[in-house]
Amino acid sequence: MAGTALRSLRAVESVRWICEAHFAGRYELEIVDIYQQPELAERDGIVAAPILLKIAPLPERRIAGDLLDADRILRGLNIPPATEAQR
């Protein structure tokens, strides 16, 4: 993420919701603010924000852009989107 703007905070909330809904108890989520922790962003090769980086299990995936779109994130992680009845 980049800073503490409302959109950044909403993106974090969206990703946390997805993780809890699909990986409850089986994930580790590290939030990196590229302004506050540039060394961590550099470590992971992050040059733009927002970006979601899935490291494990392989293959690694990078999802850049709108992290408020849960279906887009799920497609990027190769997870079938939930049906309306599941939401």
PDB file of N, CA and C in Angstrom:
ATOM      1  N   MET A   1       0.838  -1.170   0.000  1.00  0.00           N
ATOM      2  CA  MET A   1       0.000   0.000   0.000  1.00  0.00           C
ATOM      3  C   MET A   1       0.878   1.227   0.000  1.00  0.00           C
ATOM      4  N   ALA A   2       0.267   2.344  -0.218  1.00  0.00           N
ATOM      5  CA  ALA A   2       1.017   3.595  -0.267  1.00  0.00           C
ATOM      6  C   ALA A   2       0.305   4.612   0.614  1.00  0.00           C
ATOM      7  N   GLY A   3       0.779   4.740   1.838  1.00  0.00           N
ATOM      8  CA  GLY A   3       0.197   5.715   2.752  1.00  0.00           C
ATOM      9  C   GLY A   3      -1.064   5.218   3.443  1.00  0.00           C
ATOM     10  N   THR A   4      -1.720   6.151   4.117  1.00  0.00           N
ATOM     11  CA  THR A   4      -2.889   5.801   4.923  1.00  0.00           C
ATOM     12  C   THR A   4      -4.180   6.397   4.371  1.00  0.00           C
ATOM     13  N   ALA A   5      -4.227   6.634   3.079  1.00  0.00           N
ATOM     14  CA  ALA A   5      -5.433   7.153   2.454  1.00  0.00           C
ATOM     15  C   ALA A   5      -6.566   6.137   2.614  1.00  0.00           C
ATOM     16  N   LEU A   6      -7.793   6.614   2.594  1.00  0.00           N
ATOM     17  CA  LEU A   6      -8.951   5.757   2.770  1.00  0.00           C
ATOM     18  C   LEU A   6      -8.953   4.604   1.766  1.00  0.00           C
ATOM     19  N   ARG A   7      -8.607   4.871   0.530  1.00  0.00           N
ATOM     20  CA  ARG A   7      -8.587   3.810  -0.486  1.00  0.00           C
ATOM     21  C   ARG A   7      -7.570   2.723  -0.131  1.00  0.00           C
ATOM     22  N   SER A   8      -6.422   3.101   0.394  1.00  0.00           N
ATOM     23  CA  SER A   8      -5.420   2.113   0.815  1.00  0.00           C
ATOM     24  C   SER A   8      -5.952   1.267   1.959  1.00  0.00           C
ATOM     25  N   LEU A   9      -6.580   1.904   2.915  1.00  0.00           N
ATOM     26  CA  LEU A   9      -7.125   1.180   4.069  1.00  0.00           C
ATOM     27  C   LEU A   9      -8.245   0.236   3.635  1.00  0.00           C
ATOM     28  N   ARG A  10      -9.067   0.660   2.689  1.00  0.00           N
ATOM     29  CA  ARG A  10     -10.142  -0.198   2.181  1.00  0.00           C
ATOM     30  C   ARG A  10      -9.572  -1.387   1.415  1.00  0.00           C
ATOM     31  N   ALA A  11      -8.476  -1.172   0.690  1.00  0.00           N
ATOM     32  CA  ALA A  11      -7.830  -2.264  -0.040  1.00  0.00           C
ATOM     33  C   ALA A  11      -7.309  -3.316   0.935  1.00  0.00           C
ATOM     34  N   VAL A  12      -6.701  -2.882   2.026  1.00  0.00           N
ATOM     35  CA  VAL A  12      -6.211  -3.805   3.046  1.00  0.00           C
ATOM     36  C   VAL A  12      -7.373  -4.590   3.640  1.00  0.00           C
ATOM     37  N   GLU A  13      -8.457  -3.906   3.939  1.00  0.00           N
ATOM     38  CA  GLU A  13      -9.646  -4.556   4.486  1.00  0.00           C
ATOM     39  C   GLU A  13     -10.190  -5.603   3.505  1.00  0.00           C
ATOM     40  N   SER A  14     -10.226  -5.273   2.236  1.00  0.00           N
ATOM     41  CA  SER A  14     -10.711  -6.192   1.215  1.00  0.00           C
ATOM     42  C   SER A  14      -9.841  -7.452   1.148  1.00  0.00           C
ATOM     43  N   VAL A  15      -8.541  -7.283   1.148  1.00  0.00           N
ATOM     44  CA  VAL A  15      -7.625  -8.427   1.077  1.00  0.00           C
ATOM     45  C   VAL A  15      -7.741  -9.274   2.339  1.00  0.00           C
ATOM     46  N   ARG A  16      -7.868  -8.638   3.501  1.00  0.00           N
ATOM     47  CA  ARG A  16      -8.048  -9.408   4.746  1.00  0.00           C
ATOM     48  C   ARG A  16      -9.331 -10.230   4.691  1.00  0.00           C
ATOM     49  N   TRP A  17     -10.402  -9.640   4.184  1.00  0.00           N
ATOM     50  CA  TRP A  17     -11.675 -10.352   4.080  1.00  0.00           C
ATOM     51  C   TRP A  17     -11.517 -11.585   3.188  1.00  0.00           C
ATOM     52  N   ILE A  18     -10.858 -11.418   2.055  1.00  0.00           N
ATOM     53  CA  ILE A  18     -10.638 -12.536   1.135  1.00  0.00           C
ATOM     54  C   ILE A  18      -9.822 -13.631   1.804  1.00  0.00           C
ATOM     55  N   CYS A  19      -8.777 -13.240   2.500  1.00  0.00           N
ATOM     56  CA  CYS A  19      -7.933 -14.227   3.186  1.00  0.00           C
ATOM     57  C   CYS A  19      -8.731 -14.999   4.232  1.00  0.00           C
ATOM     58  N   GLU A  20      -9.518 -14.303   5.018  1.00  0.00           N
ATOM     59  CA  GLU A  20     -10.322 -14.962   6.051  1.00  0.00           C
ATOM     60  C   GLU A  20     -11.387 -15.862   5.430  1.00  0.00           C
ATOM     61  N   ALA A  21     -12.008 -15.405   4.363  1.00  0.00           N
ATOM     62  CA  ALA A  21     -13.075 -16.170   3.733  1.00  0.00           C
ATOM     63  C   ALA A  21     -12.559 -17.441   3.057  1.00  0.00           C
ATOM     64  N   HIS A  22     -11.334 -17.398   2.532  1.00  0.00           N
ATOM     65  CA  HIS A  22     -10.832 -18.519   1.742  1.00  0.00           C
ATOM     66  C   HIS A  22      -9.665 -19.273   2.368  1.00  0.00           C
ATOM     67  N   PHE A  23      -8.980 -18.647   3.329  1.00  0.00           N
ATOM     68  CA  PHE A  23      -7.778 -19.277   3.894  1.00  0.00           C
ATOM     69  C   PHE A  23      -7.732 -19.183   5.418  1.00  0.00           C
ATOM     70  N   ALA A  24      -8.866 -19.080   6.073  1.00  0.00           N
ATOM     71  CA  ALA A  24      -8.916 -18.872   7.529  1.00  0.00           C
ATOM     72  C   ALA A  24      -7.934 -19.790   8.264  1.00  0.00           C
ATOM     73  N   GLY A  25      -7.050 -19.167   9.024  1.00  0.00           N
ATOM     74  CA  GLY A  25      -6.072 -19.904   9.808  1.00  0.00           C
ATOM     75  C   GLY A  25      -4.919 -20.479   9.002  1.00  0.00           C
ATOM     76  N   ARG A  26      -4.887 -20.216   7.690  1.00  0.00           N
ATOM     77  CA  ARG A  26      -3.856 -20.810   6.836  1.00  0.00           C
ATOM     78  C   ARG A  26      -3.111 -19.767   6.016  1.00  0.00           C
ATOM     79  N   TYR A  27      -3.006 -18.558   6.527  1.00  0.00           N
ATOM     80  CA  TYR A  27      -2.323 -17.524   5.762  1.00  0.00           C
ATOM     81  C   TYR A  27      -1.572 -16.582   6.698  1.00  0.00           C
ATOM     82  N   GLU A  28      -0.597 -15.916   6.117  1.00  0.00           N
ATOM     83  CA  GLU A  28       0.133 -14.854   6.801  1.00  0.00           C
ATOM     84  C   GLU A  28       0.082 -13.657   5.863  1.00  0.00           C
ATOM     85  N   LEU A  29      -0.390 -12.552   6.380  1.00  0.00           N
ATOM     86  CA  LEU A  29      -0.537 -11.346   5.570  1.00  0.00           C
ATOM     87  C   LEU A  29       0.383 -10.273   6.129  1.00  0.00           C
ATOM     88  N   GLU A  30       1.283  -9.788   5.300  1.00  0.00           N
ATOM     89  CA  GLU A  30       2.191  -8.712   5.688  1.00  0.00           C
ATOM     90  C   GLU A  30       1.825  -7.476   4.865  1.00  0.00           C
ATOM     91  N   ILE A  31       1.488  -6.404   5.566  1.00  0.00           N
ATOM     92  CA  ILE A  31       1.139  -5.149   4.909  1.00  0.00           C
ATOM     93  C   ILE A  31       2.391  -4.275   4.881  1.00  0.00           C
ATOM     94  N   VAL A  32       2.776  -3.853   3.702  1.00  0.00           N
ATOM     95  CA  VAL A  32       3.967  -3.017   3.548  1.00  0.00           C
ATOM     96  C   VAL A  32       3.542  -1.675   2.969  1.00  0.00           C
ATOM     97  N   ASP A  33       3.834  -0.615   3.692  1.00  0.00           N
ATOM     98  CA  ASP A  33       3.615   0.745   3.195  1.00  0.00           C
ATOM     99  C   ASP A  33       4.910   1.156   2.506  1.00  0.00           C
ATOM    100  N   ILE A  34       4.854   1.333   1.201  1.00  0.00           N
ATOM    101  CA  ILE A  34       6.090   1.607   0.459  1.00  0.00           C
ATOM    102  C   ILE A  34       6.731   2.930   0.842  1.00  0.00           C
ATOM    103  N   TYR A  35       5.952   3.833   1.453  1.00  0.00           N
ATOM    104  CA  TYR A  35       6.526   5.095   1.916  1.00  0.00           C
ATOM    105  C   TYR A  35       7.242   4.924   3.252  1.00  0.00           C
ATOM    106  N   GLN A  36       6.666   4.122   4.133  1.00  0.00           N
ATOM    107  CA  GLN A  36       7.234   3.932   5.469  1.00  0.00           C
ATOM    108  C   GLN A  36       8.303   2.839   5.518  1.00  0.00           C
ATOM    109  N   GLN A  37       8.211   1.857   4.597  1.00  0.00           N
ATOM    110  CA  GLN A  37       9.127   0.717   4.621  1.00  0.00           C
ATOM    111  C   GLN A  37       9.686   0.437   3.214  1.00  0.00           C
ATOM    112  N   PRO A  38      10.366   1.397   2.625  1.00  0.00           N
ATOM    113  CA  PRO A  38      10.847   1.199   1.256  1.00  0.00           C
ATOM    114  C   PRO A  38      11.796   0.014   1.111  1.00  0.00           C
ATOM    115  N   GLU A  39      12.515  -0.332   2.153  1.00  0.00           N
ATOM    116  CA  GLU A  39      13.441  -1.462   2.068  1.00  0.00           C
ATOM    117  C   GLU A  39      12.690  -2.783   1.893  1.00  0.00           C
ATOM    118  N   LEU A  40      11.514  -2.908   2.507  1.00  0.00           N
ATOM    119  CA  LEU A  40      10.720  -4.128   2.341  1.00  0.00           C
ATOM    120  C   LEU A  40      10.129  -4.195   0.939  1.00  0.00           C
ATOM    121  N   ALA A  41       9.683  -3.065   0.435  1.00  0.00           N
ATOM    122  CA  ALA A  41       9.170  -3.022  -0.934  1.00  0.00           C
ATOM    123  C   ALA A  41      10.277  -3.409  -1.917  1.00  0.00           C
ATOM    124  N   GLU A  42      11.466  -2.900  -1.695  1.00  0.00           N
ATOM    125  CA  GLU A  42      12.603  -3.223  -2.562  1.00  0.00           C
ATOM    126  C   GLU A  42      12.948  -4.708  -2.466  1.00  0.00           C
ATOM    127  N   ARG A  43      12.903  -5.261  -1.261  1.00  0.00           N
ATOM    128  CA  ARG A  43      13.201  -6.680  -1.039  1.00  0.00           C
ATOM    129  C   ARG A  43      12.316  -7.568  -1.914  1.00  0.00           C
ATOM    130  N   ASP A  44      11.036  -7.179  -2.044  1.00  0.00           N
ATOM    131  CA  ASP A  44      10.082  -7.977  -2.799  1.00  0.00           C
ATOM    132  C   ASP A  44       9.908  -7.510  -4.240  1.00  0.00           C
ATOM    133  N   GLY A  45      10.711  -6.545  -4.666  1.00  0.00           N
ATOM    134  CA  GLY A  45      10.644  -6.066  -6.041  1.00  0.00           C
ATOM    135  C   GLY A  45       9.373  -5.301  -6.349  1.00  0.00           C
ATOM    136  N   ILE A  46       8.815  -4.639  -5.359  1.00  0.00           N
ATOM    137  CA  ILE A  46       7.589  -3.862  -5.542  1.00  0.00           C
ATOM    138  C   ILE A  46       7.966  -2.445  -5.937  1.00  0.00           C
ATOM    139  N   VAL A  47       7.486  -2.035  -7.094  1.00  0.00           N
ATOM    140  CA  VAL A  47       7.806  -0.695  -7.587  1.00  0.00           C
ATOM    141  C   VAL A  47       6.574   0.185  -7.721  1.00  0.00           C
ATOM    142  N   ALA A  48       5.390  -0.411  -7.554  1.00  0.00           N
ATOM    143  CA  ALA A  48       4.144   0.348  -7.651  1.00  0.00           C
ATOM    144  C   ALA A  48       3.160  -0.180  -6.610  1.00  0.00           C
ATOM    145  N   ALA A  49       2.226   0.650  -6.243  1.00  0.00           N
ATOM    146  CA  ALA A  49       1.215   0.247  -5.269  1.00  0.00           C
ATOM    147  C   ALA A  49      -0.146   0.705  -5.763  1.00  0.00           C
ATOM    148  N   PRO A  50      -1.191   0.013  -5.440  1.00  0.00           N
ATOM    149  CA  PRO A  50      -1.205  -1.180  -4.588  1.00  0.00           C
ATOM    150  C   PRO A  50      -0.866  -2.428  -5.390  1.00  0.00           C
ATOM    151  N   ILE A  51      -0.314  -3.407  -4.677  1.00  0.00           N
ATOM    152  CA  ILE A  51      -0.018  -4.708  -5.273  1.00  0.00           C
ATOM    153  C   ILE A  51      -0.175  -5.775  -4.203  1.00  0.00           C
ATOM    154  N   LEU A  52      -0.734  -6.888  -4.596  1.00  0.00           N
ATOM    155  CA  LEU A  52      -0.842  -8.047  -3.717  1.00  0.00           C
ATOM    156  C   LEU A  52       0.148  -9.070  -4.240  1.00  0.00           C
ATOM    157  N   LEU A  53       1.030  -9.503  -3.382  1.00  0.00           N
ATOM    158  CA  LEU A  53       2.061 -10.466  -3.746  1.00  0.00           C
ATOM    159  C   LEU A  53       1.811 -11.754  -2.978  1.00  0.00           C
ATOM    160  N   LYS A  54       1.519 -12.832  -3.697  1.00  0.00           N
ATOM    161  CA  LYS A  54       1.344 -14.150  -3.078  1.00  0.00           C
ATOM    162  C   LYS A  54       2.643 -14.907  -3.315  1.00  0.00           C
ATOM    163  N   ILE A  55       3.302 -15.254  -2.223  1.00  0.00           N
ATOM    164  CA  ILE A  55       4.608 -15.894  -2.325  1.00  0.00           C
ATOM    165  C   ILE A  55       4.502 -17.417  -2.288  1.00  0.00           C
ATOM    166  N   ALA A  56       3.666 -17.937  -1.413  1.00  0.00           N
ATOM    167  CA  ALA A  56       3.532 -19.385  -1.271  1.00  0.00           C
ATOM    168  C   ALA A  56       2.071 -19.730  -1.087  1.00  0.00           C
ATOM    169  N   PRO A  57       1.663 -20.888  -1.524  1.00  0.00           N
ATOM    170  CA  PRO A  57       2.462 -21.843  -2.282  1.00  0.00           C
ATOM    171  C   PRO A  57       2.713 -21.340  -3.705  1.00  0.00           C
ATOM    172  N   LEU A  58       3.749 -21.898  -4.296  1.00  0.00           N
ATOM    173  CA  LEU A  58       4.084 -21.534  -5.665  1.00  0.00           C
ATOM    174  C   LEU A  58       2.951 -21.928  -6.592  1.00  0.00           C
ATOM    175  N   PRO A  59       2.746 -21.279  -7.691  1.00  0.00           N
ATOM    176  CA  PRO A  59       3.582 -20.222  -8.239  1.00  0.00           C
ATOM    177  C   PRO A  59       3.288 -18.873  -7.572  1.00  0.00           C
ATOM    178  N   GLU A  60       4.321 -18.038  -7.521  1.00  0.00           N
ATOM    179  CA  GLU A  60       4.154 -16.679  -7.012  1.00  0.00           C
ATOM    180  C   GLU A  60       3.208 -15.935  -7.939  1.00  0.00           C
ATOM    181  N   ARG A  61       2.377 -15.085  -7.358  1.00  0.00           N
ATOM    182  CA  ARG A  61       1.457 -14.271  -8.159  1.00  0.00           C
ATOM    183  C   ARG A  61       1.509 -12.837  -7.672  1.00  0.00           C
ATOM    184  N   ARG A  62       1.382 -11.910  -8.617  1.00  0.00           N
ATOM    185  CA  ARG A  62       1.337 -10.476  -8.318  1.00  0.00           C
ATOM    186  C   ARG A  62       0.061  -9.921  -8.930  1.00  0.00           C
ATOM    187  N   ILE A  63      -0.726  -9.261  -8.090  1.00  0.00           N
ATOM    188  CA  ILE A  63      -1.967  -8.655  -8.555  1.00  0.00           C
ATOM    189  C   ILE A  63      -1.859  -7.169  -8.256  1.00  0.00           C
ATOM    190  N   ALA A  64      -1.772  -6.380  -9.305  1.00  0.00           N
ATOM    191  CA  ALA A  64      -1.603  -4.934  -9.160  1.00  0.00           C
ATOM    192  C   ALA A  64      -2.885  -4.223  -9.524  1.00  0.00           C
ATOM    193  N   GLY A  65      -3.067  -3.060  -8.945  1.00  0.00           N
ATOM    194  CA  GLY A  65      -4.221  -2.241  -9.300  1.00  0.00           C
ATOM    195  C   GLY A  65      -5.307  -2.292  -8.254  1.00  0.00           C
ATOM    196  N   ASP A  66      -6.546  -2.350  -8.716  1.00  0.00           N
ATOM    197  CA  ASP A  66      -7.713  -2.260  -7.847  1.00  0.00           C
ATOM    198  C   ASP A  66      -7.827  -3.481  -6.940  1.00  0.00           C
ATOM    199  N   LEU A  67      -7.488  -3.327  -5.667  1.00  0.00           N
ATOM    200  CA  LEU A  67      -7.599  -4.423  -4.714  1.00  0.00           C
ATOM    201  C   LEU A  67      -8.932  -4.389  -3.973  1.00  0.00           C
ATOM    202  N   LEU A  68      -9.870  -3.579  -4.443  1.00  0.00           N
ATOM    203  CA  LEU A  68     -11.209  -3.556  -3.868  1.00  0.00           C
ATOM    204  C   LEU A  68     -12.134  -4.522  -4.605  1.00  0.00           C
ATOM    205  N   ASP A  69     -11.714  -5.018  -5.739  1.00  0.00           N
ATOM    206  CA  ASP A  69     -12.512  -5.922  -6.558  1.00  0.00           C
ATOM    207  C   ASP A  69     -12.183  -7.371  -6.175  1.00  0.00           C
ATOM    208  N   ALA A  70     -12.991  -7.938  -5.280  1.00  0.00           N
ATOM    209  CA  ALA A  70     -12.726  -9.274  -4.743  1.00  0.00           C
ATOM    210  C   ALA A  70     -12.706 -10.334  -5.846  1.00  0.00           C
ATOM    211  N   ASP A  71     -13.635 -10.268  -6.798  1.00  0.00           N
ATOM    212  CA  ASP A  71     -13.654 -11.268  -7.866  1.00  0.00           C
ATOM    213  C   ASP A  71     -12.377 -11.219  -8.695  1.00  0.00           C
ATOM    214  N   ARG A  72     -11.884 -10.036  -8.963  1.00  0.00           N
ATOM    215  CA  ARG A  72     -10.634  -9.875  -9.731  1.00  0.00           C
ATOM    216  C   ARG A  72      -9.457 -10.478  -8.965  1.00  0.00           C
ATOM    217  N   ILE A  73      -9.411 -10.242  -7.665  1.00  0.00           N
ATOM    218  CA  ILE A  73      -8.328 -10.800  -6.835  1.00  0.00           C
ATOM    219  C   ILE A  73      -8.407 -12.318  -6.828  1.00  0.00           C
ATOM    220  N   LEU A  74      -9.614 -12.842  -6.649  1.00  0.00           N
ATOM    221  CA  LEU A  74      -9.781 -14.300  -6.630  1.00  0.00           C
ATOM    222  C   LEU A  74      -9.357 -14.919  -7.959  1.00  0.00           C
ATOM    223  N   ARG A  75      -9.726 -14.297  -9.072  1.00  0.00           N
ATOM    224  CA  ARG A  75      -9.285 -14.804 -10.378  1.00  0.00           C
ATOM    225  C   ARG A  75      -7.761 -14.778 -10.466  1.00  0.00           C
ATOM    226  N   GLY A  76      -7.148 -13.701  -9.965  1.00  0.00           N
ATOM    227  CA  GLY A  76      -5.690 -13.590  -9.989  1.00  0.00           C
ATOM    228  C   GLY A  76      -5.010 -14.647  -9.141  1.00  0.00           C
ATOM    229  N   LEU A  77      -5.698 -15.103  -8.101  1.00  0.00           N
ATOM    230  CA  LEU A  77      -5.159 -16.158  -7.234  1.00  0.00           C
ATOM    231  C   LEU A  77      -5.594 -17.544  -7.690  1.00  0.00           C
ATOM    232  N   ASN A  78      -6.327 -17.584  -8.820  1.00  0.00           N
ATOM    233  CA  ASN A  78      -6.833 -18.829  -9.383  1.00  0.00           C
ATOM    234  C   ASN A  78      -7.815 -19.528  -8.441  1.00  0.00           C
ATOM    235  N   ILE A  79      -8.680 -18.741  -7.808  1.00  0.00           N
ATOM    236  CA  ILE A  79      -9.719 -19.239  -6.909  1.00  0.00           C
ATOM    237  C   ILE A  79     -11.070 -18.864  -7.533  1.00  0.00           C
ATOM    238  N   PRO A  80     -11.965 -19.830  -7.688  1.00  0.00           N
ATOM    239  CA  PRO A  80     -13.261 -19.485  -8.266  1.00  0.00           C
ATOM    240  C   PRO A  80     -13.987 -18.462  -7.396  1.00  0.00           C
ATOM    241  N   PRO A  81     -14.519 -17.395  -7.992  1.00  0.00           N
ATOM    242  CA  PRO A  81     -15.262 -16.391  -7.218  1.00  0.00           C
ATOM    243  C   PRO A  81     -16.481 -17.020  -6.560  1.00  0.00           C
ATOM    244  N   ALA A  82     -16.854 -16.485  -5.407  1.00  0.00           N
ATOM    245  CA  ALA A  82     -18.018 -16.977  -4.680  1.00  0.00           C
ATOM    246  C   ALA A  82     -19.287 -16.618  -5.454  1.00  0.00           C
ATOM    247  N   THR A  83     -20.281 -17.461  -5.347  1.00  0.00           N
ATOM    248  CA  THR A  83     -21.572 -17.143  -5.938  1.00  0.00           C
ATOM    249  C   THR A  83     -22.273 -16.165  -5.008  1.00  0.00           C
ATOM    250  N   GLU A  84     -23.324 -15.537  -5.478  1.00  0.00           N
ATOM    251  CA  GLU A  84     -24.080 -14.585  -4.646  1.00  0.00           C
ATOM    252  C   GLU A  84     -24.562 -15.242  -3.372  1.00  0.00           C
ATOM    253  N   ALA A  85     -24.953 -16.509  -3.436  1.00  0.00           N
ATOM    254  CA  ALA A  85     -25.463 -17.209  -2.259  1.00  0.00           C
ATOM    255  C   ALA A  85     -24.380 -17.433  -1.210  1.00  0.00           C
ATOM    256  N   GLN A  86     -23.110 -17.492  -1.628  1.00  0.00           N
ATOM    257  CA  GLN A  86     -22.001 -17.724  -0.705  1.00  0.00           C
ATOM    258  C   GLN A  86     -21.526 -16.446  -0.035  1.00  0.00           C
ATOM    259  N   ARG A  87     -21.919 -15.278  -0.545  1.00  0.00           N
ATOM    260  CA  ARG A  87     -21.404 -14.022  -0.009  1.00  0.00           C
ATOM    261  C   ARG A  87     -22.122 -13.592   1.218  1.00  0.00           C
TER     262      ARG A  87
END
